[in-house]
Amino acid sequence: MKMESISVQGIGPLAHKIPESVMQVEAGLTVGGLLEQLGISQKEVMLVFVDSALATWQTMLRDGSRVCLSPYMCGG
């Protein structure tokens, strides 16, 4: 199986669960698969960016992808 290197970063409260890091993942992994590997529920993530573009759970990651996960936020 081919492995690829991606960088992952959580924002806000997710930064505690997902500190900025570089990971080795299996080729063909999707954003949804990445969240599963990280133990993060899709309900915890409002927005996902891959290489600075808005992504979906089905977005395929490739070698060198930069993934940023943003949680739901509220304010007043």
PDB file of N, CA and C in Angstrom:
ATOM      1  N   MET A   1       0.830  -1.181   0.000  1.00  0.00           N
ATOM      2  CA  MET A   1       0.000   0.000   0.000  1.00  0.00           C
ATOM      3  C   MET A   1       0.879   1.250   0.000  1.00  0.00           C
ATOM      4  N   LYS A   2       0.491   2.200  -0.790  1.00  0.00           N
ATOM      5  CA  LYS A   2       1.256   3.436  -0.923  1.00  0.00           C
ATOM      6  C   LYS A   2       0.857   4.410   0.185  1.00  0.00           C
ATOM      7  N   MET A   3       1.848   5.047   0.767  1.00  0.00           N
ATOM      8  CA  MET A   3       1.608   6.030   1.826  1.00  0.00           C
ATOM      9  C   MET A   3       1.892   7.431   1.290  1.00  0.00           C
ATOM     10  N   GLU A   4       1.125   8.393   1.816  1.00  0.00           N
ATOM     11  CA  GLU A   4       1.302   9.793   1.432  1.00  0.00           C
ATOM     12  C   GLU A   4       1.437  10.636   2.689  1.00  0.00           C
ATOM     13  N   SER A   5       2.081  11.770   2.551  1.00  0.00           N
ATOM     14  CA  SER A   5       2.299  12.691   3.654  1.00  0.00           C
ATOM     15  C   SER A   5       1.325  13.867   3.525  1.00  0.00           C
ATOM     16  N   ILE A   6       0.567  14.137   4.591  1.00  0.00           N
ATOM     17  CA  ILE A   6      -0.340  15.293   4.606  1.00  0.00           C
ATOM     18  C   ILE A   6      -0.102  16.077   5.886  1.00  0.00           C
ATOM     19  N   SER A   7      -0.471  17.347   5.887  1.00  0.00           N
ATOM     20  CA  SER A   7      -0.419  18.123   7.126  1.00  0.00           C
ATOM     21  C   SER A   7      -1.848  18.392   7.570  1.00  0.00           C
ATOM     22  N   VAL A   8      -2.066  18.361   8.878  1.00  0.00           N
ATOM     23  CA  VAL A   8      -3.396  18.514   9.463  1.00  0.00           C
ATOM     24  C   VAL A   8      -3.314  19.544  10.576  1.00  0.00           C
ATOM     25  N   GLN A   9      -4.361  20.386  10.632  1.00  0.00           N
ATOM     26  CA  GLN A   9      -4.414  21.406  11.676  1.00  0.00           C
ATOM     27  C   GLN A   9      -5.857  21.610  12.101  1.00  0.00           C
ATOM     28  N   GLY A  10      -6.100  21.627  13.412  1.00  0.00           N
ATOM     29  CA  GLY A  10      -7.402  21.983  13.958  1.00  0.00           C
ATOM     30  C   GLY A  10      -7.391  23.438  14.379  1.00  0.00           C
ATOM     31  N   ILE A  11      -8.553  24.070  14.320  1.00  0.00           N
ATOM     32  CA  ILE A  11      -8.691  25.480  14.716  1.00  0.00           C
ATOM     33  C   ILE A  11      -9.558  25.548  15.968  1.00  0.00           C
ATOM     34  N   GLY A  12      -9.299  26.525  16.825  1.00  0.00           N
ATOM     35  CA  GLY A  12     -10.101  26.727  18.029  1.00  0.00           C
ATOM     36  C   GLY A  12     -10.049  25.502  18.923  1.00  0.00           C
ATOM     37  N   PRO A  13     -11.223  25.040  19.394  1.00  0.00           N
ATOM     38  CA  PRO A  13     -11.261  23.883  20.286  1.00  0.00           C
ATOM     39  C   PRO A  13     -10.663  22.620  19.670  1.00  0.00           C
ATOM     40  N   LEU A  14     -10.710  22.498  18.347  1.00  0.00           N
ATOM     41  CA  LEU A  14     -10.130  21.317  17.696  1.00  0.00           C
ATOM     42  C   LEU A  14      -8.602  21.327  17.729  1.00  0.00           C
ATOM     43  N   ALA A  15      -8.005  22.475  17.983  1.00  0.00           N
ATOM     44  CA  ALA A  15      -6.542  22.560  18.050  1.00  0.00           C
ATOM     45  C   ALA A  15      -6.010  21.716  19.214  1.00  0.00           C
ATOM     46  N   HIS A  16      -6.817  21.548  20.261  1.00  0.00           N
ATOM     47  CA  HIS A  16      -6.392  20.722  21.394  1.00  0.00           C
ATOM     48  C   HIS A  16      -6.419  19.242  21.024  1.00  0.00           C
ATOM     49  N   LYS A  17      -7.382  18.860  20.180  1.00  0.00           N
ATOM     50  CA  LYS A  17      -7.491  17.460  19.759  1.00  0.00           C
ATOM     51  C   LYS A  17      -6.574  17.155  18.582  1.00  0.00           C
ATOM     52  N   ILE A  18      -6.364  18.167  17.718  1.00  0.00           N
ATOM     53  CA  ILE A  18      -5.579  17.972  16.501  1.00  0.00           C
ATOM     54  C   ILE A  18      -4.535  19.077  16.395  1.00  0.00           C
ATOM     55  N   PRO A  19      -3.436  18.957  17.119  1.00  0.00           N
ATOM     56  CA  PRO A  19      -2.380  19.964  16.972  1.00  0.00           C
ATOM     57  C   PRO A  19      -1.778  19.865  15.572  1.00  0.00           C
ATOM     58  N   GLU A  20      -1.252  20.959  15.093  1.00  0.00           N
ATOM     59  CA  GLU A  20      -0.669  20.967  13.747  1.00  0.00           C
ATOM     60  C   GLU A  20       0.406  19.892  13.655  1.00  0.00           C
ATOM     61  N   SER A  21       0.274  19.033  12.650  1.00  0.00           N
ATOM     62  CA  SER A  21       1.220  17.935  12.509  1.00  0.00           C
ATOM     63  C   SER A  21       1.249  17.433  11.072  1.00  0.00           C
ATOM     64  N   VAL A  22       2.253  16.638  10.783  1.00  0.00           N
ATOM     65  CA  VAL A  22       2.362  15.959   9.490  1.00  0.00           C
ATOM     66  C   VAL A  22       2.102  14.480   9.751  1.00  0.00           C
ATOM     67  N   MET A  23       1.257  13.880   8.924  1.00  0.00           N
ATOM     68  CA  MET A  23       0.876  12.479   9.094  1.00  0.00           C
ATOM     69  C   MET A  23       1.169  11.679   7.838  1.00  0.00           C
ATOM     70  N   GLN A  24       1.419  10.415   8.014  1.00  0.00           N
ATOM     71  CA  GLN A  24       1.512   9.474   6.905  1.00  0.00           C
ATOM     72  C   GLN A  24       0.176   8.743   6.830  1.00  0.00           C
ATOM     73  N   VAL A  25      -0.476   8.809   5.678  1.00  0.00           N
ATOM     74  CA  VAL A  25      -1.770   8.158   5.492  1.00  0.00           C
ATOM     75  C   VAL A  25      -1.743   7.302   4.233  1.00  0.00           C
ATOM     76  N   GLU A  26      -2.660   6.369   4.172  1.00  0.00           N
ATOM     77  CA  GLU A  26      -2.771   5.506   2.998  1.00  0.00           C
ATOM     78  C   GLU A  26      -3.282   6.311   1.806  1.00  0.00           C
ATOM     79  N   ALA A  27      -2.718   6.085   0.643  1.00  0.00           N
ATOM     80  CA  ALA A  27      -3.147   6.780  -0.583  1.00  0.00           C
ATOM     81  C   ALA A  27      -4.636   6.546  -0.807  1.00  0.00           C
ATOM     82  N   GLY A  28      -5.321   7.570  -1.290  1.00  0.00           N
ATOM     83  CA  GLY A  28      -6.742   7.467  -1.600  1.00  0.00           C
ATOM     84  C   GLY A  28      -7.662   7.777  -0.436  1.00  0.00           C
ATOM     85  N   LEU A  29      -7.099   8.237   0.676  1.00  0.00           N
ATOM     86  CA  LEU A  29      -7.903   8.572   1.852  1.00  0.00           C
ATOM     87  C   LEU A  29      -8.746   9.812   1.580  1.00  0.00           C
ATOM     88  N   THR A  30      -9.991   9.805   2.079  1.00  0.00           N
ATOM     89  CA  THR A  30     -10.865  10.970   1.964  1.00  0.00           C
ATOM     90  C   THR A  30     -10.820  11.770   3.266  1.00  0.00           C
ATOM     91  N   VAL A  31     -11.380  12.971   3.233  1.00  0.00           N
ATOM     92  CA  VAL A  31     -11.475  13.787   4.442  1.00  0.00           C
ATOM     93  C   VAL A  31     -12.257  13.020   5.510  1.00  0.00           C
ATOM     94  N   GLY A  32     -13.369  12.385   5.125  1.00  0.00           N
ATOM     95  CA  GLY A  32     -14.158  11.602   6.078  1.00  0.00           C
ATOM     96  C   GLY A  32     -13.348  10.478   6.699  1.00  0.00           C
ATOM     97  N   GLY A  33     -12.542   9.806   5.887  1.00  0.00           N
ATOM     98  CA  GLY A  33     -11.678   8.740   6.387  1.00  0.00           C
ATOM     99  C   GLY A  33     -10.621   9.267   7.340  1.00  0.00           C
ATOM    100  N   LEU A  34     -10.107  10.451   7.047  1.00  0.00           N
ATOM    101  CA  LEU A  34      -9.121  11.080   7.929  1.00  0.00           C
ATOM    102  C   LEU A  34      -9.734  11.368   9.290  1.00  0.00           C
ATOM    103  N   LEU A  35     -10.952  11.944   9.295  1.00  0.00           N
ATOM    104  CA  LEU A  35     -11.615  12.234  10.569  1.00  0.00           C
ATOM    105  C   LEU A  35     -11.809  10.951  11.372  1.00  0.00           C
ATOM    106  N   GLU A  36     -12.196   9.881  10.689  1.00  0.00           N
ATOM    107  CA  GLU A  36     -12.369   8.598  11.361  1.00  0.00           C
ATOM    108  C   GLU A  36     -11.058   8.138  11.987  1.00  0.00           C
ATOM    109  N   GLN A  37      -9.958   8.242  11.253  1.00  0.00           N
ATOM    110  CA  GLN A  37      -8.645   7.854  11.784  1.00  0.00           C
ATOM    111  C   GLN A  37      -8.251   8.691  12.993  1.00  0.00           C
ATOM    112  N   LEU A  38      -8.641   9.983  12.963  1.00  0.00           N
ATOM    113  CA  LEU A  38      -8.287  10.888  14.062  1.00  0.00           C
ATOM    114  C   LEU A  38      -9.225  10.752  15.260  1.00  0.00           C
ATOM    115  N   GLY A  39     -10.324  10.008  15.095  1.00  0.00           N
ATOM    116  CA  GLY A  39     -11.293   9.860  16.178  1.00  0.00           C
ATOM    117  C   GLY A  39     -12.138  11.099  16.383  1.00  0.00           C
ATOM    118  N   ILE A  40     -12.340  11.863  15.305  1.00  0.00           N
ATOM    119  CA  ILE A  40     -13.127  13.089  15.358  1.00  0.00           C
ATOM    120  C   ILE A  40     -14.451  12.851  14.646  1.00  0.00           C
ATOM    121  N   SER A  41     -15.556  13.169  15.304  1.00  0.00           N
ATOM    122  CA  SER A  41     -16.880  13.024  14.701  1.00  0.00           C
ATOM    123  C   SER A  41     -17.113  14.143  13.684  1.00  0.00           C
ATOM    124  N   GLN A  42     -17.789  13.818  12.593  1.00  0.00           N
ATOM    125  CA  GLN A  42     -18.126  14.843  11.604  1.00  0.00           C
ATOM    126  C   GLN A  42     -19.013  15.910  12.219  1.00  0.00           C
ATOM    127  N   LYS A  43     -19.718  15.580  13.292  1.00  0.00           N
ATOM    128  CA  LYS A  43     -20.584  16.546  13.978  1.00  0.00           C
ATOM    129  C   LYS A  43     -19.775  17.641  14.679  1.00  0.00           C
ATOM    130  N   GLU A  44     -18.488  17.385  14.907  1.00  0.00           N
ATOM    131  CA  GLU A  44     -17.627  18.365  15.575  1.00  0.00           C
ATOM    132  C   GLU A  44     -17.023  19.365  14.594  1.00  0.00           C
ATOM    133  N   VAL A  45     -17.114  19.095  13.300  1.00  0.00           N
ATOM    134  CA  VAL A  45     -16.431  19.898  12.289  1.00  0.00           C
ATOM    135  C   VAL A  45     -17.446  20.600  11.404  1.00  0.00           C
ATOM    136  N   MET A  46     -17.350  21.924  11.341  1.00  0.00           N
ATOM    137  CA  MET A  46     -18.264  22.704  10.499  1.00  0.00           C
ATOM    138  C   MET A  46     -17.698  22.865   9.092  1.00  0.00           C
ATOM    139  N   LEU A  47     -16.420  23.224   9.007  1.00  0.00           N
ATOM    140  CA  LEU A  47     -15.787  23.478   7.720  1.00  0.00           C
ATOM    141  C   LEU A  47     -14.478  22.727   7.619  1.00  0.00           C
ATOM    142  N   VAL A  48     -14.191  22.245   6.422  1.00  0.00           N
ATOM    143  CA  VAL A  48     -12.921  21.593   6.134  1.00  0.00           C
ATOM    144  C   VAL A  48     -12.315  22.267   4.920  1.00  0.00           C
ATOM    145  N   PHE A  49     -11.050  22.605   5.023  1.00  0.00           N
ATOM    146  CA  PHE A  49     -10.326  23.179   3.898  1.00  0.00           C
ATOM    147  C   PHE A  49      -9.181  22.237   3.541  1.00  0.00           C
ATOM    148  N   VAL A  50      -9.032  21.961   2.271  1.00  0.00           N
ATOM    149  CA  VAL A  50      -7.904  21.180   1.774  1.00  0.00           C
ATOM    150  C   VAL A  50      -7.177  22.066   0.778  1.00  0.00           C
ATOM    151  N   ASP A  51      -5.935  22.350   1.062  1.00  0.00           N
ATOM    152  CA  ASP A  51      -5.125  23.246   0.228  1.00  0.00           C
ATOM    153  C   ASP A  51      -5.829  24.585   0.016  1.00  0.00           C
ATOM    154  N   SER A  52      -6.383  25.126   1.106  1.00  0.00           N
ATOM    155  CA  SER A  52      -7.042  26.440   1.162  1.00  0.00           C
ATOM    156  C   SER A  52      -8.363  26.511   0.411  1.00  0.00           C
ATOM    157  N   ALA A  53      -8.909  25.388  -0.051  1.00  0.00           N
ATOM    158  CA  ALA A  53     -10.201  25.361  -0.747  1.00  0.00           C
ATOM    159  C   ALA A  53     -11.204  24.591   0.110  1.00  0.00           C
ATOM    160  N   LEU A  54     -12.441  25.069   0.149  1.00  0.00           N
ATOM    161  CA  LEU A  54     -13.494  24.389   0.887  1.00  0.00           C
ATOM    162  C   LEU A  54     -13.640  22.958   0.369  1.00  0.00           C
ATOM    163  N   ALA A  55     -13.730  22.001   1.277  1.00  0.00           N
ATOM    164  CA  ALA A  55     -13.778  20.591   0.897  1.00  0.00           C
ATOM    165  C   ALA A  55     -15.004  19.919   1.509  1.00  0.00           C
ATOM    166  N   THR A  56     -15.285  18.703   1.053  1.00  0.00           N
ATOM    167  CA  THR A  56     -16.376  17.892   1.586  1.00  0.00           C
ATOM    168  C   THR A  56     -15.781  16.637   2.217  1.00  0.00           C
ATOM    169  N   TRP A  57     -16.652  15.832   2.838  1.00  0.00           N
ATOM    170  CA  TRP A  57     -16.190  14.585   3.455  1.00  0.00           C
ATOM    171  C   TRP A  57     -15.619  13.632   2.407  1.00  0.00           C
ATOM    172  N   GLN A  58     -16.060  13.772   1.152  1.00  0.00           N
ATOM    173  CA  GLN A  58     -15.623  12.877   0.084  1.00  0.00           C
ATOM    174  C   GLN A  58     -14.365  13.363  -0.643  1.00  0.00           C
ATOM    175  N   THR A  59     -13.875  14.548  -0.313  1.00  0.00           N
ATOM    176  CA  THR A  59     -12.679  15.075  -0.974  1.00  0.00           C
ATOM    177  C   THR A  59     -11.502  14.127  -0.738  1.00  0.00           C
ATOM    178  N   MET A  60     -10.863  13.737  -1.830  1.00  0.00           N
ATOM    179  CA  MET A  60      -9.707  12.837  -1.749  1.00  0.00           C
ATOM    180  C   MET A  60      -8.460  13.643  -1.378  1.00  0.00           C
ATOM    181  N   LEU A  61      -7.677  13.106  -0.474  1.00  0.00           N
ATOM    182  CA  LEU A  61      -6.409  13.727  -0.095  1.00  0.00           C
ATOM    183  C   LEU A  61      -5.312  13.147  -0.965  1.00  0.00           C
ATOM    184  N   ARG A  62      -4.301  13.944  -1.206  1.00  0.00           N
ATOM    185  CA  ARG A  62      -3.168  13.464  -1.996  1.00  0.00           C
ATOM    186  C   ARG A  62      -1.876  13.886  -1.297  1.00  0.00           C
ATOM    187  N   ASP A  63      -0.790  13.341  -1.748  1.00  0.00           N
ATOM    188  CA  ASP A  63       0.495  13.633  -1.139  1.00  0.00           C
ATOM    189  C   ASP A  63       0.728  15.142  -1.095  1.00  0.00           C
ATOM    190  N   GLY A  64       1.020  15.663   0.074  1.00  0.00           N
ATOM    191  CA  GLY A  64       1.280  17.081   0.245  1.00  0.00           C
ATOM    192  C   GLY A  64       0.055  17.912   0.597  1.00  0.00           C
ATOM    193  N   SER A  65      -1.129  17.297   0.675  1.00  0.00           N
ATOM    194  CA  SER A  65      -2.342  18.045   1.022  1.00  0.00           C
ATOM    195  C   SER A  65      -2.198  18.699   2.381  1.00  0.00           C
ATOM    196  N   ARG A  66      -2.780  19.896   2.501  1.00  0.00           N
ATOM    197  CA  ARG A  66      -2.843  20.619   3.778  1.00  0.00           C
ATOM    198  C   ARG A  66      -4.307  20.681   4.193  1.00  0.00           C
ATOM    199  N   VAL A  67      -4.640  20.062   5.319  1.00  0.00           N
ATOM    200  CA  VAL A  67      -6.020  19.965   5.783  1.00  0.00           C
ATOM    201  C   VAL A  67      -6.193  20.840   7.016  1.00  0.00           C
ATOM    202  N   CYS A  68      -7.234  21.665   7.002  1.00  0.00           N
ATOM    203  CA  CYS A  68      -7.549  22.530   8.138  1.00  0.00           C
ATOM    204  C   CYS A  68      -8.997  22.262   8.541  1.00  0.00           C
ATOM    205  N   LEU A  69      -9.216  21.951   9.818  1.00  0.00           N
ATOM    206  CA  LEU A  69     -10.534  21.609  10.334  1.00  0.00           C
ATOM    207  C   LEU A  69     -11.028  22.706  11.259  1.00  0.00           C
ATOM    208  N   SER A  70     -12.223  23.226  10.978  1.00  0.00           N
ATOM    209  CA  SER A  70     -12.799  24.303  11.765  1.00  0.00           C
ATOM    210  C   SER A  70     -14.068  23.813  12.453  1.00  0.00           C
ATOM    211  N   PRO A  71     -14.192  24.013  13.765  1.00  0.00           N
ATOM    212  CA  PRO A  71     -15.370  23.554  14.496  1.00  0.00           C
ATOM    213  C   PRO A  71     -16.538  24.535  14.358  1.00  0.00           C
ATOM    214  N   TYR A  72     -17.695  24.093  14.820  1.00  0.00           N
ATOM    215  CA  TYR A  72     -18.833  25.001  14.948  1.00  0.00           C
ATOM    216  C   TYR A  72     -18.489  25.997  16.034  1.00  0.00           C
ATOM    217  N   MET A  73     -18.863  27.234  15.830  1.00  0.00           N
ATOM    218  CA  MET A  73     -18.587  28.272  16.817  1.00  0.00           C
ATOM    219  C   MET A  73     -19.860  29.069  17.068  1.00  0.00           C
ATOM    220  N   CYS A  74     -19.953  29.613  18.246  1.00  0.00           N
ATOM    221  CA  CYS A  74     -21.090  30.477  18.535  1.00  0.00           C
ATOM    222  C   CYS A  74     -20.562  31.729  19.187  1.00  0.00           C
ATOM    223  N   GLY A  75     -21.358  32.737  19.119  1.00  0.00           N
ATOM    224  CA  GLY A  75     -20.941  34.002  19.700  1.00  0.00           C
ATOM    225  C   GLY A  75     -22.159  34.778  20.148  1.00  0.00           C
ATOM    226  N   GLY A  76     -21.903  35.941  20.613  1.00  0.00           N
ATOM    227  CA  GLY A  76     -23.038  36.706  21.103  1.00  0.00           C
ATOM    228  C   GLY A  76     -22.842  38.165  20.855  1.00  0.00           C
TER     229      GLY A  76
END
